[in-house]
Every structure is written in structure tokens, then in C-alpha cells.
Amino acid sequence: MNKEKFETEQWLHDQLHKGFNPKWFISYHYHHPSENLKPVKETRKPFGHGERIGFRTYGEIWNQVESYNQIQKKRVSYDSLEKDTRHIRNLILKYLYGIARPNRIWSIRPELMFFHEKGKTKLQYHTHLLLSGDNCIMNTEEEILEVFTSSIRKRAKCMSKWKDVHVRSVDDPYKAISYLNKETNLSHNSLDYKNSIFTQDNP
């Protein structure tokens, strides 16, 4: 039995019982060093069949190799992931909840939960987010997506510029939690306890 997964799911169910009502399920990826390369056609074949593609770097090749390795290491580091998530969380608070200063979180308490996964390939992390609709400035999927792809991604260099941000409404919170907790085990808990904002006990 996966005890860590079971206990985490029970704790998440308790958050729902205490009043957490996630409205939005958001998924996003992180910047990969390959995004610094620009594909360039080296041949001109009819209909593109058999086309040879090369890649152009921005700057000296040796600097690019060093930068590639540094970003690659960062993408598999959980400490770096937590720092990036903190930055993204503060942008979410500012542009979706109107909280410009993080120390004001506790007066409004917009509940949100981050879950980090590596997926099937296990190469680098990506993140899912459950977001409360309470006190949120935006009310539709289109508005939430627009804020993420413009205001937030523009200011979060850690986010992928190539891969799309996905936003969908939450129909079944229990089903969403079960899905997001699927990779939790004794060596990795998908839930980011440090950056998530949880429901408190009723007074």
C-alpha cells in the first residue's frame, strides 16, 4: 500500500470538507534550454520532404552550452522548482487576486494548491494548480488563460514560451485531487506544501 499517497489524499479531502472549493485546474510547463535554439532550414526540398534542419544559437556557442547545462540542472532540482513556484504564486496573487504584497495573503486568503509532476518521461517537472474562484478578479477560462499567457508568463522567465498553458473548470474536486495525487509516493509528494495556501480550520 502506498501510505504516503493515501494519507495525502485523506488530508486533501479534509481540505475540501473545510471549505476549499477549487474552481480552476491550470497546467503549465517550465522553460527548457532547447527553447534558446532557433530552427533553420538548411535545404529547400519540394513539399518539405527530406528537409534538413539546423539550429541557430543566440550568442557564442560555448556560452550556450554552459547555459543549457545550467538550465537543465535547474529543471530537475526541486529547490529551484520551489523558488520558481514562489515567484509564479506571487504573480498569481497580484494579477488574479489584486494582492500586490505577499504579506497581505492572510487578510484575503485565496486558496490555491500546486502539484509538481515529472510525467511519464521523468525528465523535468511540470505543474498543475488548483485555484479557488473566491475573490478572483477573473471569472472565465478565457480571462484566466489570458492573464497566464500575458501578464504572468511575461514576468516569469522560468515558464515555457513554447508549451501552452491549459485552463479548465473543475467539475469534480475529488476526482481532480485523485488525479493530481497520482505520482505521490514515499520519495516524492506531488503537493507543494511550501507554496500552496490551504484552508484553515473554522473559528
N, C-alpha and C. Protein backbone atom coordinates (compact mmCIF):
# COMPACT_ATOMS: atom_id res chain seq x y z
N MET A 1 0.84 -1.21 0.00
CA MET A 1 0.00 0.00 0.00
C MET A 1 0.87 1.25 0.00
N ASN A 2 0.52 2.23 -0.80
CA ASN A 2 1.23 3.50 -0.87
C ASN A 2 0.70 4.40 0.25
N LYS A 3 1.34 4.32 1.41
CA LYS A 3 0.86 5.05 2.59
C LYS A 3 0.91 6.56 2.39
N GLU A 4 1.99 7.05 1.79
CA GLU A 4 2.14 8.49 1.58
C GLU A 4 1.02 9.03 0.69
N LYS A 5 0.72 8.32 -0.38
CA LYS A 5 -0.34 8.73 -1.29
C LYS A 5 -1.70 8.70 -0.60
N PHE A 6 -1.97 7.64 0.16
CA PHE A 6 -3.25 7.52 0.86
C PHE A 6 -3.44 8.64 1.88
N GLU A 7 -2.43 8.89 2.70
CA GLU A 7 -2.55 9.91 3.74
C GLU A 7 -2.65 11.31 3.15
N THR A 8 -1.93 11.57 2.05
CA THR A 8 -2.03 12.87 1.40
C THR A 8 -3.43 13.09 0.84
N GLU A 9 -3.99 12.05 0.23
CA GLU A 9 -5.33 12.18 -0.34
C GLU A 9 -6.37 12.41 0.76
N GLN A 10 -6.20 11.73 1.90
CA GLN A 10 -7.11 11.94 3.01
C GLN A 10 -7.01 13.37 3.53
N TRP A 11 -5.80 13.90 3.58
CA TRP A 11 -5.59 15.27 4.04
C TRP A 11 -6.22 16.26 3.06
N LEU A 12 -6.10 15.98 1.76
CA LEU A 12 -6.70 16.85 0.75
C LEU A 12 -8.22 16.80 0.81
N HIS A 13 -8.78 15.63 1.09
CA HIS A 13 -10.23 15.52 1.27
C HIS A 13 -10.68 16.37 2.45
N ASP A 14 -9.85 16.39 3.50
CA ASP A 14 -10.18 17.20 4.67
C ASP A 14 -10.21 18.68 4.31
N GLN A 15 -9.32 19.11 3.40
CA GLN A 15 -9.33 20.49 2.93
C GLN A 15 -10.64 20.83 2.22
N LEU A 16 -11.15 19.87 1.45
CA LEU A 16 -12.44 20.07 0.78
C LEU A 16 -13.56 20.18 1.81
N HIS A 17 -13.49 19.35 2.84
CA HIS A 17 -14.52 19.37 3.89
C HIS A 17 -14.50 20.69 4.66
N LYS A 18 -13.31 21.29 4.76
CA LYS A 18 -13.18 22.55 5.48
C LYS A 18 -13.60 23.75 4.64
N GLY A 19 -13.87 23.51 3.36
CA GLY A 19 -14.39 24.61 2.56
C GLY A 19 -13.63 24.96 1.29
N PHE A 20 -12.50 24.28 1.03
CA PHE A 20 -11.78 24.58 -0.21
C PHE A 20 -12.63 24.11 -1.40
N ASN A 21 -12.93 25.05 -2.29
CA ASN A 21 -13.79 24.74 -3.43
C ASN A 21 -13.07 25.17 -4.71
N PRO A 22 -12.17 24.30 -5.23
CA PRO A 22 -11.40 24.69 -6.42
C PRO A 22 -12.29 24.89 -7.64
N LYS A 23 -12.08 26.00 -8.31
CA LYS A 23 -12.88 26.31 -9.50
C LYS A 23 -12.11 26.08 -10.78
N TRP A 24 -10.77 26.28 -10.72
CA TRP A 24 -9.95 26.19 -11.92
C TRP A 24 -8.83 25.17 -11.76
N PHE A 25 -8.59 24.41 -12.82
CA PHE A 25 -7.50 23.45 -12.92
C PHE A 25 -6.57 23.98 -14.00
N ILE A 26 -5.35 24.36 -13.61
CA ILE A 26 -4.40 25.00 -14.54
C ILE A 26 -3.14 24.16 -14.63
N SER A 27 -2.63 23.98 -15.83
CA SER A 27 -1.39 23.22 -16.04
C SER A 27 -0.42 24.08 -16.84
N TYR A 28 0.85 24.06 -16.44
CA TYR A 28 1.87 24.80 -17.19
C TYR A 28 3.22 24.09 -17.09
N HIS A 29 4.11 24.39 -18.05
CA HIS A 29 5.42 23.78 -18.10
C HIS A 29 6.50 24.84 -17.88
N TYR A 30 7.72 24.38 -17.71
CA TYR A 30 8.83 25.28 -17.43
C TYR A 30 9.76 25.41 -18.64
N HIS A 31 10.46 26.52 -18.66
CA HIS A 31 11.39 26.82 -19.74
C HIS A 31 12.45 25.72 -19.85
N HIS A 32 12.62 25.22 -21.06
CA HIS A 32 13.65 24.21 -21.33
C HIS A 32 14.75 24.87 -22.17
N PRO A 33 16.02 24.49 -21.96
CA PRO A 33 17.10 25.15 -22.70
C PRO A 33 17.00 25.03 -24.21
N SER A 34 16.27 24.02 -24.71
CA SER A 34 16.10 23.89 -26.16
C SER A 34 15.31 25.06 -26.74
N GLU A 35 14.59 25.80 -25.89
CA GLU A 35 13.84 26.96 -26.36
C GLU A 35 14.75 28.10 -26.76
N ASN A 36 16.03 28.00 -26.41
CA ASN A 36 17.00 29.03 -26.78
C ASN A 36 17.58 28.79 -28.17
N LEU A 37 17.18 27.70 -28.82
CA LEU A 37 17.66 27.38 -30.16
C LEU A 37 16.59 27.72 -31.19
N LYS A 38 17.01 28.27 -32.31
CA LYS A 38 16.08 28.62 -33.38
C LYS A 38 16.29 27.68 -34.56
N PRO A 39 15.25 26.91 -34.95
CA PRO A 39 15.40 26.00 -36.10
C PRO A 39 15.57 26.78 -37.41
N VAL A 40 16.52 26.33 -38.23
CA VAL A 40 16.79 26.99 -39.52
C VAL A 40 16.85 25.92 -40.61
N LYS A 41 16.12 26.11 -41.71
CA LYS A 41 16.17 25.17 -42.83
C LYS A 41 17.51 25.29 -43.55
N GLU A 42 18.18 24.14 -43.76
CA GLU A 42 19.46 24.13 -44.45
C GLU A 42 19.32 23.69 -45.90
N THR A 43 18.16 23.17 -46.26
CA THR A 43 17.90 22.75 -47.63
C THR A 43 16.52 23.26 -48.06
N ARG A 44 16.24 23.17 -49.37
CA ARG A 44 14.95 23.58 -49.90
C ARG A 44 14.37 22.44 -50.73
N LYS A 45 13.70 21.51 -50.07
CA LYS A 45 13.13 20.35 -50.74
C LYS A 45 11.67 20.60 -51.12
N PRO A 46 11.25 20.06 -52.27
CA PRO A 46 9.83 20.19 -52.65
C PRO A 46 8.92 19.58 -51.59
N PHE A 47 7.93 20.32 -51.18
CA PHE A 47 6.94 19.88 -50.18
C PHE A 47 7.55 19.61 -48.81
N GLY A 48 8.84 19.97 -48.62
CA GLY A 48 9.47 19.79 -47.32
C GLY A 48 9.96 18.40 -47.03
N HIS A 49 9.74 17.45 -47.94
CA HIS A 49 10.17 16.05 -47.70
C HIS A 49 11.68 15.95 -47.76
N GLY A 50 12.28 15.35 -46.72
CA GLY A 50 13.72 15.19 -46.67
C GLY A 50 14.47 16.47 -46.32
N GLU A 51 13.76 17.44 -45.82
CA GLU A 51 14.36 18.72 -45.44
C GLU A 51 15.35 18.53 -44.30
N ARG A 52 16.51 19.19 -44.38
CA ARG A 52 17.49 19.16 -43.30
C ARG A 52 17.37 20.43 -42.47
N ILE A 53 17.22 20.24 -41.17
CA ILE A 53 17.02 21.36 -40.26
C ILE A 53 18.23 21.52 -39.35
N GLY A 54 18.74 22.72 -39.29
CA GLY A 54 19.80 23.04 -38.34
C GLY A 54 19.27 23.96 -37.27
N PHE A 55 20.10 24.29 -36.29
CA PHE A 55 19.66 25.16 -35.20
C PHE A 55 20.67 26.27 -35.00
N ARG A 56 20.14 27.47 -34.79
CA ARG A 56 20.99 28.63 -34.56
C ARG A 56 20.87 29.04 -33.10
N THR A 57 22.01 29.32 -32.50
CA THR A 57 22.01 29.74 -31.10
C THR A 57 22.06 31.27 -31.04
N TYR A 58 21.69 31.80 -29.88
CA TYR A 58 21.73 33.24 -29.68
C TYR A 58 22.98 33.57 -28.87
N GLY A 59 24.08 33.91 -29.56
CA GLY A 59 25.32 34.19 -28.86
C GLY A 59 26.37 33.13 -29.12
N GLU A 60 27.49 33.21 -28.41
CA GLU A 60 28.60 32.28 -28.57
C GLU A 60 28.16 30.87 -28.21
N ILE A 61 28.59 29.89 -29.01
CA ILE A 61 28.17 28.51 -28.82
C ILE A 61 28.59 27.97 -27.46
N TRP A 62 29.79 28.33 -26.98
CA TRP A 62 30.27 27.80 -25.69
C TRP A 62 29.45 28.35 -24.54
N ASN A 63 29.06 29.61 -24.65
CA ASN A 63 28.19 30.19 -23.63
C ASN A 63 26.82 29.50 -23.64
N GLN A 64 26.35 29.14 -24.83
CA GLN A 64 25.07 28.47 -24.93
C GLN A 64 25.11 27.08 -24.32
N VAL A 65 26.23 26.38 -24.50
CA VAL A 65 26.38 25.05 -23.91
C VAL A 65 26.35 25.13 -22.39
N GLU A 66 27.05 26.11 -21.84
CA GLU A 66 27.08 26.30 -20.39
C GLU A 66 25.69 26.67 -19.88
N SER A 67 25.01 27.57 -20.59
CA SER A 67 23.66 27.97 -20.20
C SER A 67 22.71 26.79 -20.27
N TYR A 68 22.84 25.96 -21.32
CA TYR A 68 21.98 24.78 -21.49
C TYR A 68 22.13 23.86 -20.29
N ASN A 69 23.37 23.59 -19.90
CA ASN A 69 23.62 22.69 -18.79
C ASN A 69 23.08 23.24 -17.47
N GLN A 70 23.22 24.55 -17.27
CA GLN A 70 22.73 25.17 -16.04
C GLN A 70 21.21 25.10 -15.94
N ILE A 71 20.53 25.40 -17.04
CA ILE A 71 19.07 25.35 -17.03
C ILE A 71 18.59 23.91 -16.87
N GLN A 72 19.30 22.97 -17.52
CA GLN A 72 18.94 21.56 -17.41
C GLN A 72 19.00 21.09 -15.97
N LYS A 73 20.06 21.47 -15.26
CA LYS A 73 20.20 21.10 -13.85
C LYS A 73 19.10 21.75 -13.00
N LYS A 74 18.77 22.98 -13.35
CA LYS A 74 17.73 23.70 -12.60
C LYS A 74 16.38 23.03 -12.74
N ARG A 75 16.10 22.49 -13.93
CA ARG A 75 14.79 21.90 -14.19
C ARG A 75 14.57 20.58 -13.46
N VAL A 76 15.62 19.94 -13.00
CA VAL A 76 15.46 18.69 -12.24
C VAL A 76 15.70 18.90 -10.75
N SER A 77 15.92 20.16 -10.35
CA SER A 77 16.16 20.48 -8.94
C SER A 77 14.86 20.90 -8.28
N TYR A 78 14.49 20.21 -7.19
CA TYR A 78 13.24 20.55 -6.51
C TYR A 78 13.37 21.89 -5.78
N ASP A 79 14.55 22.21 -5.27
CA ASP A 79 14.75 23.51 -4.61
C ASP A 79 14.51 24.66 -5.59
N SER A 80 15.04 24.52 -6.81
CA SER A 80 14.82 25.55 -7.83
C SER A 80 13.34 25.62 -8.21
N LEU A 81 12.70 24.46 -8.26
CA LEU A 81 11.28 24.41 -8.58
C LEU A 81 10.46 25.18 -7.55
N GLU A 82 10.77 25.00 -6.28
CA GLU A 82 10.05 25.71 -5.22
C GLU A 82 10.24 27.22 -5.33
N LYS A 83 11.46 27.66 -5.67
CA LYS A 83 11.71 29.10 -5.84
C LYS A 83 10.94 29.66 -7.02
N ASP A 84 10.93 28.93 -8.13
CA ASP A 84 10.17 29.37 -9.30
C ASP A 84 8.67 29.42 -8.98
N THR A 85 8.20 28.43 -8.24
CA THR A 85 6.78 28.38 -7.89
C THR A 85 6.40 29.55 -6.99
N ARG A 86 7.28 29.92 -6.07
CA ARG A 86 7.02 31.07 -5.21
C ARG A 86 6.85 32.35 -6.03
N HIS A 87 7.71 32.49 -7.04
CA HIS A 87 7.63 33.68 -7.91
C HIS A 87 6.31 33.67 -8.69
N ILE A 88 5.96 32.52 -9.26
CA ILE A 88 4.72 32.41 -10.02
C ILE A 88 3.51 32.63 -9.11
N ARG A 89 3.58 32.10 -7.90
CA ARG A 89 2.48 32.28 -6.95
C ARG A 89 2.25 33.76 -6.65
N ASN A 90 3.33 34.52 -6.45
CA ASN A 90 3.19 35.94 -6.17
C ASN A 90 2.59 36.70 -7.36
N LEU A 91 2.92 36.26 -8.58
CA LEU A 91 2.33 36.88 -9.77
C LEU A 91 0.84 36.54 -9.86
N ILE A 92 0.47 35.31 -9.50
CA ILE A 92 -0.93 34.91 -9.49
C ILE A 92 -1.71 35.76 -8.48
N LEU A 93 -1.14 35.93 -7.30
CA LEU A 93 -1.80 36.74 -6.28
C LEU A 93 -2.01 38.18 -6.75
N LYS A 94 -1.03 38.69 -7.48
CA LYS A 94 -1.12 40.08 -7.95
C LYS A 94 -2.13 40.25 -9.07
N TYR A 95 -2.05 39.38 -10.08
CA TYR A 95 -2.85 39.61 -11.29
C TYR A 95 -4.21 38.91 -11.29
N LEU A 96 -4.40 37.92 -10.42
CA LEU A 96 -5.70 37.27 -10.35
C LEU A 96 -6.49 37.63 -9.09
N TYR A 97 -5.78 38.12 -8.06
CA TYR A 97 -6.48 38.45 -6.80
C TYR A 97 -6.25 39.89 -6.34
N GLY A 98 -5.43 40.62 -7.08
CA GLY A 98 -5.20 42.02 -6.72
C GLY A 98 -4.37 42.21 -5.47
N ILE A 99 -3.56 41.19 -5.09
CA ILE A 99 -2.71 41.26 -3.91
C ILE A 99 -1.29 41.59 -4.35
N ALA A 100 -0.90 42.85 -4.26
CA ALA A 100 0.42 43.27 -4.73
C ALA A 100 1.53 42.88 -3.77
N ARG A 101 1.19 42.76 -2.48
CA ARG A 101 2.20 42.41 -1.47
C ARG A 101 1.86 41.06 -0.86
N PRO A 102 2.78 40.09 -0.96
CA PRO A 102 2.51 38.73 -0.45
C PRO A 102 2.13 38.69 1.02
N ASN A 103 2.59 39.67 1.83
CA ASN A 103 2.26 39.64 3.25
C ASN A 103 0.80 39.96 3.52
N ARG A 104 0.05 40.32 2.45
CA ARG A 104 -1.40 40.56 2.60
C ARG A 104 -2.22 39.30 2.33
N ILE A 105 -1.53 38.19 2.03
CA ILE A 105 -2.23 36.94 1.74
C ILE A 105 -3.21 36.59 2.85
N TRP A 106 -2.76 36.76 4.08
CA TRP A 106 -3.52 36.24 5.21
C TRP A 106 -4.80 37.03 5.47
N SER A 107 -4.91 38.23 4.93
CA SER A 107 -6.13 39.00 5.13
C SER A 107 -7.23 38.58 4.14
N ILE A 108 -6.83 38.06 2.98
CA ILE A 108 -7.80 37.68 1.96
C ILE A 108 -7.87 36.16 1.80
N ARG A 109 -6.73 35.47 1.95
CA ARG A 109 -6.63 34.01 1.88
C ARG A 109 -7.23 33.40 0.62
N PRO A 110 -6.67 33.70 -0.55
CA PRO A 110 -7.10 32.99 -1.76
C PRO A 110 -6.48 31.60 -1.75
N GLU A 111 -7.29 30.56 -1.65
CA GLU A 111 -6.74 29.21 -1.53
C GLU A 111 -6.29 28.69 -2.90
N LEU A 112 -5.11 28.11 -2.93
CA LEU A 112 -4.59 27.52 -4.14
C LEU A 112 -3.59 26.42 -3.79
N MET A 113 -3.53 25.40 -4.63
CA MET A 113 -2.65 24.26 -4.37
C MET A 113 -1.84 23.93 -5.61
N PHE A 114 -0.52 23.83 -5.44
CA PHE A 114 0.39 23.46 -6.52
C PHE A 114 0.76 21.98 -6.39
N PHE A 115 0.78 21.29 -7.53
CA PHE A 115 1.20 19.89 -7.58
C PHE A 115 2.27 19.76 -8.67
N HIS A 116 3.42 19.19 -8.32
CA HIS A 116 4.52 19.06 -9.26
C HIS A 116 4.70 17.60 -9.67
N GLU A 117 4.79 17.39 -10.98
CA GLU A 117 4.96 16.04 -11.51
C GLU A 117 6.07 16.01 -12.55
N LYS A 118 6.57 14.80 -12.83
CA LYS A 118 7.53 14.61 -13.92
C LYS A 118 6.93 13.84 -15.09
N GLY A 119 5.71 13.34 -14.93
CA GLY A 119 5.05 12.65 -16.02
C GLY A 119 5.72 11.33 -16.38
N LYS A 120 5.38 10.81 -17.53
CA LYS A 120 5.89 9.50 -17.95
C LYS A 120 7.37 9.52 -18.28
N THR A 121 7.85 10.62 -18.84
CA THR A 121 9.25 10.67 -19.26
C THR A 121 10.23 10.85 -18.10
N LYS A 122 9.75 11.46 -16.98
CA LYS A 122 10.56 11.69 -15.78
C LYS A 122 11.77 12.59 -16.06
N LEU A 123 11.69 13.45 -17.07
CA LEU A 123 12.83 14.27 -17.44
C LEU A 123 12.87 15.60 -16.69
N GLN A 124 11.74 16.29 -16.58
CA GLN A 124 11.71 17.54 -15.83
C GLN A 124 10.30 17.77 -15.31
N TYR A 125 10.20 18.66 -14.32
CA TYR A 125 8.91 18.90 -13.69
C TYR A 125 7.98 19.75 -14.56
N HIS A 126 6.69 19.51 -14.38
CA HIS A 126 5.66 20.43 -14.83
C HIS A 126 4.70 20.58 -13.65
N THR A 127 3.82 21.56 -13.71
CA THR A 127 2.99 21.88 -12.54
C THR A 127 1.51 21.95 -12.89
N HIS A 128 0.71 21.41 -11.98
CA HIS A 128 -0.74 21.58 -12.03
C HIS A 128 -1.15 22.44 -10.84
N LEU A 129 -2.18 23.23 -11.03
CA LEU A 129 -2.62 24.16 -10.00
C LEU A 129 -4.13 24.11 -9.84
N LEU A 130 -4.57 23.96 -8.60
CA LEU A 130 -5.99 24.09 -8.28
C LEU A 130 -6.20 25.47 -7.68
N LEU A 131 -7.12 26.20 -8.26
CA LEU A 131 -7.30 27.61 -7.90
C LEU A 131 -8.73 27.88 -7.47
N SER A 132 -8.87 28.53 -6.34
CA SER A 132 -10.20 28.91 -5.86
C SER A 132 -10.76 30.06 -6.67
N GLY A 133 -12.06 30.06 -6.87
CA GLY A 133 -12.70 31.17 -7.58
C GLY A 133 -13.07 32.31 -6.65
N ASP A 134 -13.00 32.08 -5.33
CA ASP A 134 -13.35 33.12 -4.36
C ASP A 134 -12.38 34.30 -4.44
N ASN A 135 -12.91 35.50 -4.55
CA ASN A 135 -12.12 36.74 -4.60
C ASN A 135 -11.26 36.87 -5.85
N CYS A 136 -11.42 35.96 -6.81
CA CYS A 136 -10.65 36.04 -8.05
C CYS A 136 -11.22 37.14 -8.95
N ILE A 137 -10.35 37.94 -9.52
CA ILE A 137 -10.77 39.04 -10.37
C ILE A 137 -11.38 38.54 -11.67
N MET A 138 -10.86 37.41 -12.19
CA MET A 138 -11.32 36.86 -13.47
C MET A 138 -12.36 35.76 -13.24
N ASN A 139 -13.31 35.66 -14.16
CA ASN A 139 -14.43 34.74 -13.95
C ASN A 139 -14.61 33.68 -15.03
N THR A 140 -13.80 33.71 -16.09
CA THR A 140 -13.96 32.74 -17.16
C THR A 140 -12.62 32.09 -17.50
N GLU A 141 -12.69 30.93 -18.18
CA GLU A 141 -11.47 30.24 -18.61
C GLU A 141 -10.64 31.15 -19.52
N GLU A 142 -11.31 31.86 -20.41
CA GLU A 142 -10.61 32.73 -21.36
C GLU A 142 -9.86 33.84 -20.64
N GLU A 143 -10.47 34.42 -19.61
CA GLU A 143 -9.82 35.50 -18.87
C GLU A 143 -8.63 34.98 -18.07
N ILE A 144 -8.80 33.82 -17.42
CA ILE A 144 -7.70 33.22 -16.66
C ILE A 144 -6.53 32.91 -17.59
N LEU A 145 -6.83 32.30 -18.74
CA LEU A 145 -5.78 31.94 -19.70
C LEU A 145 -5.06 33.17 -20.21
N GLU A 146 -5.80 34.23 -20.47
CA GLU A 146 -5.19 35.47 -20.96
C GLU A 146 -4.21 36.04 -19.94
N VAL A 147 -4.57 36.01 -18.67
CA VAL A 147 -3.68 36.53 -17.62
C VAL A 147 -2.41 35.68 -17.54
N PHE A 148 -2.55 34.36 -17.63
CA PHE A 148 -1.39 33.48 -17.55
C PHE A 148 -0.46 33.65 -18.75
N THR A 149 -1.03 33.74 -19.95
CA THR A 149 -0.20 33.78 -21.14
C THR A 149 0.37 35.17 -21.42
N SER A 150 -0.15 36.17 -20.75
CA SER A 150 0.38 37.52 -20.96
C SER A 150 1.07 38.04 -19.70
N SER A 151 0.30 38.49 -18.74
CA SER A 151 0.87 39.14 -17.55
C SER A 151 1.80 38.23 -16.76
N ILE A 152 1.42 36.98 -16.54
CA ILE A 152 2.22 36.09 -15.68
C ILE A 152 3.42 35.52 -16.43
N ARG A 153 3.18 34.90 -17.60
CA ARG A 153 4.30 34.29 -18.32
C ARG A 153 5.32 35.33 -18.78
N LYS A 154 4.87 36.53 -19.07
CA LYS A 154 5.77 37.61 -19.49
C LYS A 154 6.76 37.96 -18.39
N ARG A 155 6.34 37.79 -17.13
CA ARG A 155 7.18 38.17 -15.99
C ARG A 155 7.83 36.97 -15.30
N ALA A 156 7.49 35.78 -15.74
CA ALA A 156 8.07 34.56 -15.16
C ALA A 156 8.92 33.87 -16.22
N LYS A 157 10.21 34.19 -16.24
CA LYS A 157 11.10 33.63 -17.26
C LYS A 157 11.25 32.12 -17.12
N CYS A 158 10.89 31.60 -15.95
CA CYS A 158 11.00 30.15 -15.73
C CYS A 158 9.93 29.37 -16.49
N MET A 159 8.87 30.03 -16.94
CA MET A 159 7.79 29.34 -17.64
C MET A 159 8.13 29.14 -19.11
N SER A 160 7.68 28.02 -19.67
CA SER A 160 7.92 27.72 -21.08
C SER A 160 7.22 28.73 -21.98
N LYS A 161 7.93 29.19 -23.00
CA LYS A 161 7.33 30.08 -24.00
C LYS A 161 6.76 29.27 -25.17
N TRP A 162 7.12 27.99 -25.25
CA TRP A 162 6.67 27.14 -26.35
C TRP A 162 5.40 26.37 -26.00
N LYS A 163 5.37 25.80 -24.81
CA LYS A 163 4.25 24.94 -24.44
C LYS A 163 3.09 25.76 -23.89
N ASP A 164 1.90 25.38 -24.29
CA ASP A 164 0.70 26.13 -23.91
C ASP A 164 0.36 25.95 -22.44
N VAL A 165 -0.27 26.98 -21.89
CA VAL A 165 -0.89 26.89 -20.57
C VAL A 165 -2.31 26.37 -20.79
N HIS A 166 -2.74 25.43 -19.96
CA HIS A 166 -4.09 24.87 -20.10
C HIS A 166 -4.93 25.26 -18.88
N VAL A 167 -6.13 25.72 -19.15
CA VAL A 167 -7.06 26.12 -18.09
C VAL A 167 -8.40 25.42 -18.33
N ARG A 168 -8.93 24.79 -17.30
CA ARG A 168 -10.26 24.17 -17.42
C ARG A 168 -10.98 24.31 -16.09
N SER A 169 -12.29 24.27 -16.12
CA SER A 169 -13.07 24.36 -14.88
C SER A 169 -13.08 23.00 -14.19
N VAL A 170 -13.25 23.02 -12.87
CA VAL A 170 -13.28 21.80 -12.07
C VAL A 170 -14.73 21.38 -11.84
N ASP A 171 -15.09 20.22 -12.38
CA ASP A 171 -16.44 19.70 -12.20
C ASP A 171 -16.56 18.83 -10.95
N ASP A 172 -15.50 18.05 -10.69
CA ASP A 172 -15.49 17.12 -9.56
C ASP A 172 -14.19 17.28 -8.78
N PRO A 173 -14.18 18.06 -7.67
CA PRO A 173 -12.95 18.30 -6.90
C PRO A 173 -12.28 17.01 -6.41
N TYR A 174 -13.04 16.01 -6.02
CA TYR A 174 -12.47 14.76 -5.52
C TYR A 174 -11.72 14.01 -6.64
N LYS A 175 -12.29 14.04 -7.82
CA LYS A 175 -11.65 13.40 -8.96
C LYS A 175 -10.37 14.14 -9.34
N ALA A 176 -10.42 15.47 -9.29
CA ALA A 176 -9.24 16.28 -9.61
C ALA A 176 -8.12 16.01 -8.63
N ILE A 177 -8.43 15.93 -7.34
CA ILE A 177 -7.43 15.67 -6.31
C ILE A 177 -6.81 14.28 -6.49
N SER A 178 -7.63 13.31 -6.79
CA SER A 178 -7.13 11.95 -7.01
C SER A 178 -6.14 11.92 -8.17
N TYR A 179 -6.47 12.63 -9.23
CA TYR A 179 -5.58 12.68 -10.40
C TYR A 179 -4.27 13.37 -10.05
N LEU A 180 -4.34 14.49 -9.35
CA LEU A 180 -3.14 15.27 -9.04
C LEU A 180 -2.25 14.58 -8.02
N ASN A 181 -2.79 13.66 -7.28
CA ASN A 181 -2.02 12.96 -6.25
C ASN A 181 -1.44 11.63 -6.75
N LYS A 182 -1.59 11.34 -8.03
CA LYS A 182 -1.27 10.01 -8.55
C LYS A 182 0.20 9.66 -8.48
N GLU A 183 1.11 10.67 -8.54
CA GLU A 183 2.55 10.37 -8.52
C GLU A 183 3.14 10.40 -7.11
N THR A 184 2.32 10.68 -6.11
CA THR A 184 2.84 10.74 -4.74
C THR A 184 3.27 9.36 -4.27
N ASN A 185 4.47 9.30 -3.67
CA ASN A 185 4.98 8.06 -3.09
C ASN A 185 5.94 8.44 -1.96
N LEU A 186 6.62 7.46 -1.39
CA LEU A 186 7.49 7.72 -0.25
C LEU A 186 8.65 8.65 -0.58
N SER A 187 9.09 8.69 -1.83
CA SER A 187 10.23 9.51 -2.21
C SER A 187 9.83 10.86 -2.81
N HIS A 188 8.55 11.02 -3.16
CA HIS A 188 8.10 12.28 -3.75
C HIS A 188 6.63 12.52 -3.46
N ASN A 189 6.33 13.68 -2.87
CA ASN A 189 4.95 14.09 -2.66
C ASN A 189 4.64 15.20 -3.65
N SER A 190 3.66 14.97 -4.51
CA SER A 190 3.35 15.93 -5.57
C SER A 190 2.89 17.28 -5.04
N LEU A 191 2.23 17.29 -3.89
CA LEU A 191 1.71 18.54 -3.33
C LEU A 191 2.85 19.42 -2.80
N ASP A 192 2.86 20.66 -3.23
CA ASP A 192 3.85 21.64 -2.77
C ASP A 192 3.31 22.31 -1.51
N TYR A 193 3.72 21.80 -0.35
CA TYR A 193 3.22 22.33 0.91
C TYR A 193 3.77 23.73 1.20
N LYS A 194 4.93 24.04 0.67
CA LYS A 194 5.57 25.31 0.98
C LYS A 194 4.87 26.49 0.29
N ASN A 195 4.42 26.31 -0.94
CA ASN A 195 3.87 27.43 -1.70
C ASN A 195 2.35 27.44 -1.81
N SER A 196 1.70 26.32 -1.51
CA SER A 196 0.25 26.28 -1.55
C SER A 196 -0.33 27.08 -0.38
N ILE A 197 -1.55 27.57 -0.55
CA ILE A 197 -2.26 28.28 0.52
C ILE A 197 -3.49 27.46 0.85
N PHE A 198 -3.56 26.97 2.08
CA PHE A 198 -4.58 26.00 2.45
C PHE A 198 -5.73 26.62 3.22
N THR A 199 -6.82 25.87 3.27
CA THR A 199 -7.99 26.26 4.07
C THR A 199 -7.68 26.07 5.53
N GLN A 200 -8.02 27.06 6.36
CA GLN A 200 -7.79 26.96 7.79
C GLN A 200 -9.04 26.42 8.49
N ASP A 201 -8.84 25.94 9.70
CA ASP A 201 -9.98 25.48 10.48
C ASP A 201 -10.95 26.61 10.75
N ASN A 202 -12.22 26.32 10.72
CA ASN A 202 -13.21 27.36 11.03
C ASN A 202 -13.07 27.79 12.50
N PRO A 203 -13.22 29.09 12.79
CA PRO A 203 -13.08 29.55 14.17
C PRO A 203 -14.21 29.04 15.05
